Amino acid sequence: MILAPDILISLSTLVVLFAVASALSVWSEGDFPTVALAALAAGVGVFVYGYWSIDDPQGWRELPNAFISVLSRILN
């Protein structure tokens, strides 16, 4: 079962944000952020896959539309 593109975009955006924060935290401690960079790469890959799965993408307006769609699915 493949998830809907808006769910993929929303989840991958959150993963990318947390991965960047984690990478900066680990890097500031003097270590190399291997796991954080792997999570960042996976998040970017899922984001690109989700964006390419949309029938008629509208550019960067898809990002807030995806979050609104996921929120409406949760509240419904």
N, C-alpha and C. Protein backbone atom coordinates (compact mmCIF):
# COMPACT_ATOMS: atom_id res chain seq x y z
N MET A 1 0.84 -1.17 0.00
CA MET A 1 0.00 0.00 0.00
C MET A 1 0.89 1.24 0.00
N ILE A 2 0.72 2.09 -0.99
CA ILE A 2 1.45 3.34 -1.10
C ILE A 2 0.60 4.45 -0.48
N LEU A 3 1.23 5.27 0.33
CA LEU A 3 0.51 6.37 0.95
C LEU A 3 0.20 7.45 -0.07
N ALA A 4 -0.77 8.29 0.24
CA ALA A 4 -1.12 9.41 -0.62
C ALA A 4 0.06 10.39 -0.68
N PRO A 5 0.21 11.08 -1.81
CA PRO A 5 1.35 12.00 -1.94
C PRO A 5 1.36 13.11 -0.90
N ASP A 6 0.19 13.59 -0.48
CA ASP A 6 0.19 14.66 0.51
C ASP A 6 0.68 14.17 1.88
N ILE A 7 0.39 12.94 2.20
CA ILE A 7 0.91 12.37 3.46
C ILE A 7 2.42 12.19 3.37
N LEU A 8 2.90 11.71 2.24
CA LEU A 8 4.35 11.55 2.05
C LEU A 8 5.07 12.89 2.14
N ILE A 9 4.51 13.92 1.53
CA ILE A 9 5.15 15.24 1.56
C ILE A 9 5.18 15.78 2.98
N SER A 10 4.08 15.64 3.70
CA SER A 10 4.02 16.16 5.07
C SER A 10 4.99 15.44 5.99
N LEU A 11 4.99 14.11 5.95
CA LEU A 11 5.89 13.35 6.81
C LEU A 11 7.35 13.59 6.46
N SER A 12 7.66 13.64 5.18
CA SER A 12 9.05 13.84 4.80
C SER A 12 9.53 15.24 5.15
N THR A 13 8.65 16.22 5.10
CA THR A 13 9.04 17.57 5.51
C THR A 13 9.40 17.60 6.99
N LEU A 14 8.60 16.92 7.81
CA LEU A 14 8.90 16.86 9.24
C LEU A 14 10.21 16.10 9.51
N VAL A 15 10.43 15.01 8.76
CA VAL A 15 11.67 14.24 8.92
C VAL A 15 12.88 15.09 8.54
N VAL A 16 12.76 15.85 7.46
CA VAL A 16 13.87 16.70 7.03
C VAL A 16 14.16 17.78 8.07
N LEU A 17 13.12 18.40 8.61
CA LEU A 17 13.34 19.43 9.63
C LEU A 17 14.03 18.88 10.87
N PHE A 18 13.56 17.72 11.35
CA PHE A 18 14.19 17.12 12.52
C PHE A 18 15.60 16.61 12.22
N ALA A 19 15.83 16.14 11.01
CA ALA A 19 17.16 15.66 10.64
C ALA A 19 18.16 16.81 10.57
N VAL A 20 17.73 17.95 10.06
CA VAL A 20 18.62 19.11 10.01
C VAL A 20 18.96 19.57 11.43
N ALA A 21 17.95 19.62 12.30
CA ALA A 21 18.21 20.01 13.68
C ALA A 21 19.14 19.02 14.38
N SER A 22 18.95 17.74 14.12
CA SER A 22 19.80 16.73 14.72
C SER A 22 21.23 16.81 14.17
N ALA A 23 21.36 17.02 12.88
CA ALA A 23 22.69 17.12 12.27
C ALA A 23 23.46 18.32 12.84
N LEU A 24 22.78 19.44 13.00
CA LEU A 24 23.45 20.61 13.57
C LEU A 24 23.84 20.38 15.03
N SER A 25 23.00 19.68 15.77
CA SER A 25 23.30 19.38 17.16
C SER A 25 24.52 18.47 17.29
N VAL A 26 24.55 17.42 16.50
CA VAL A 26 25.67 16.47 16.56
C VAL A 26 26.95 17.13 16.05
N TRP A 27 26.84 17.92 15.00
CA TRP A 27 28.01 18.59 14.44
C TRP A 27 28.60 19.60 15.42
N SER A 28 27.72 20.28 16.18
CA SER A 28 28.22 21.27 17.15
C SER A 28 28.96 20.60 18.30
N GLU A 29 28.68 19.32 18.54
CA GLU A 29 29.39 18.58 19.58
C GLU A 29 30.72 18.04 19.09
N GLY A 30 30.99 18.16 17.80
CA GLY A 30 32.27 17.74 17.25
C GLY A 30 32.25 16.37 16.60
N ASP A 31 31.10 15.73 16.53
CA ASP A 31 31.00 14.41 15.88
C ASP A 31 30.46 14.58 14.47
N PHE A 32 30.58 13.49 13.68
CA PHE A 32 30.03 13.51 12.33
C PHE A 32 28.60 12.97 12.37
N PRO A 33 27.62 13.70 11.84
CA PRO A 33 26.21 13.31 11.93
C PRO A 33 25.80 12.27 10.89
N THR A 34 26.26 11.05 11.04
CA THR A 34 25.99 10.01 10.05
C THR A 34 24.51 9.65 9.98
N VAL A 35 23.90 9.38 11.12
CA VAL A 35 22.50 8.97 11.14
C VAL A 35 21.60 10.12 10.72
N ALA A 36 21.92 11.33 11.16
CA ALA A 36 21.11 12.49 10.79
C ALA A 36 21.20 12.76 9.29
N LEU A 37 22.36 12.58 8.70
CA LEU A 37 22.48 12.79 7.26
C LEU A 37 21.77 11.69 6.48
N ALA A 38 21.75 10.47 7.01
CA ALA A 38 20.99 9.40 6.37
C ALA A 38 19.50 9.69 6.43
N ALA A 39 19.03 10.18 7.58
CA ALA A 39 17.62 10.54 7.70
C ALA A 39 17.28 11.72 6.79
N LEU A 40 18.20 12.65 6.65
CA LEU A 40 17.99 13.78 5.74
C LEU A 40 17.89 13.32 4.30
N ALA A 41 18.76 12.41 3.89
CA ALA A 41 18.72 11.89 2.53
C ALA A 41 17.43 11.11 2.28
N ALA A 42 17.01 10.31 3.26
CA ALA A 42 15.76 9.55 3.11
C ALA A 42 14.56 10.50 3.04
N GLY A 43 14.56 11.53 3.86
CA GLY A 43 13.46 12.49 3.84
C GLY A 43 13.37 13.25 2.53
N VAL A 44 14.50 13.65 2.00
CA VAL A 44 14.50 14.35 0.71
C VAL A 44 14.04 13.41 -0.40
N GLY A 45 14.48 12.16 -0.35
CA GLY A 45 14.05 11.19 -1.36
C GLY A 45 12.56 10.94 -1.33
N VAL A 46 12.00 10.79 -0.15
CA VAL A 46 10.55 10.57 -0.04
C VAL A 46 9.79 11.83 -0.46
N PHE A 47 10.33 13.01 -0.14
CA PHE A 47 9.68 14.25 -0.58
C PHE A 47 9.63 14.34 -2.10
N VAL A 48 10.74 14.04 -2.74
CA VAL A 48 10.78 14.09 -4.21
C VAL A 48 9.83 13.06 -4.81
N TYR A 49 9.80 11.86 -4.25
CA TYR A 49 8.87 10.83 -4.74
C TYR A 49 7.42 11.28 -4.56
N GLY A 50 7.10 11.83 -3.39
CA GLY A 50 5.74 12.30 -3.16
C GLY A 50 5.37 13.45 -4.07
N TYR A 51 6.30 14.36 -4.33
CA TYR A 51 6.02 15.49 -5.21
C TYR A 51 5.82 15.02 -6.64
N TRP A 52 6.63 14.06 -7.09
CA TRP A 52 6.47 13.55 -8.45
C TRP A 52 5.22 12.69 -8.61
N SER A 53 4.65 12.22 -7.51
CA SER A 53 3.44 11.40 -7.57
C SER A 53 2.18 12.23 -7.74
N ILE A 54 2.28 13.53 -7.57
CA ILE A 54 1.12 14.41 -7.72
C ILE A 54 0.80 14.55 -9.20
N ASP A 55 -0.49 14.48 -9.52
CA ASP A 55 -0.90 14.56 -10.93
C ASP A 55 -0.57 15.91 -11.55
N ASP A 56 -0.98 16.99 -10.91
CA ASP A 56 -0.76 18.32 -11.45
C ASP A 56 -0.14 19.20 -10.37
N PRO A 57 1.19 19.12 -10.17
CA PRO A 57 1.81 19.90 -9.10
C PRO A 57 1.73 21.40 -9.36
N GLN A 58 1.53 22.16 -8.30
CA GLN A 58 1.39 23.61 -8.40
C GLN A 58 2.59 24.33 -7.80
N GLY A 59 3.73 23.73 -7.87
CA GLY A 59 4.93 24.36 -7.33
C GLY A 59 4.99 24.24 -5.82
N TRP A 60 5.53 25.25 -5.17
CA TRP A 60 5.71 25.20 -3.72
C TRP A 60 4.40 25.37 -2.96
N ARG A 61 3.31 25.68 -3.67
CA ARG A 61 2.00 25.74 -2.99
C ARG A 61 1.53 24.37 -2.56
N GLU A 62 2.16 23.33 -3.05
CA GLU A 62 1.79 21.97 -2.65
C GLU A 62 2.14 21.67 -1.20
N LEU A 63 3.16 22.32 -0.68
CA LEU A 63 3.58 22.05 0.69
C LEU A 63 2.51 22.45 1.72
N PRO A 64 2.02 23.69 1.71
CA PRO A 64 0.95 23.99 2.67
C PRO A 64 -0.33 23.24 2.36
N ASN A 65 -0.61 22.99 1.09
CA ASN A 65 -1.80 22.22 0.73
C ASN A 65 -1.72 20.80 1.28
N ALA A 66 -0.53 20.22 1.28
CA ALA A 66 -0.35 18.87 1.81
C ALA A 66 -0.60 18.85 3.32
N PHE A 67 -0.07 19.85 4.03
CA PHE A 67 -0.29 19.90 5.48
C PHE A 67 -1.76 20.13 5.81
N ILE A 68 -2.42 20.98 5.05
CA ILE A 68 -3.85 21.23 5.28
C ILE A 68 -4.65 19.97 4.99
N SER A 69 -4.30 19.26 3.95
CA SER A 69 -5.01 18.02 3.60
C SER A 69 -4.83 16.96 4.68
N VAL A 70 -3.62 16.82 5.20
CA VAL A 70 -3.37 15.83 6.26
C VAL A 70 -4.10 16.23 7.53
N LEU A 71 -4.08 17.51 7.87
CA LEU A 71 -4.79 17.97 9.06
C LEU A 71 -6.30 17.73 8.93
N SER A 72 -6.84 17.98 7.74
CA SER A 72 -8.27 17.73 7.56
C SER A 72 -8.61 16.25 7.62
N ARG A 73 -7.70 15.39 7.19
CA ARG A 73 -7.92 13.94 7.31
C ARG A 73 -7.91 13.52 8.77
N ILE A 74 -7.04 14.14 9.57
CA ILE A 74 -6.99 13.80 10.99
C ILE A 74 -8.25 14.26 11.71
N LEU A 75 -8.70 15.48 11.40
CA LEU A 75 -9.85 16.04 12.09
C LEU A 75 -11.19 15.47 11.61
N ASN A 76 -11.19 14.84 10.46
CA ASN A 76 -12.44 14.31 9.92
C ASN A 76 -12.77 12.98 10.52
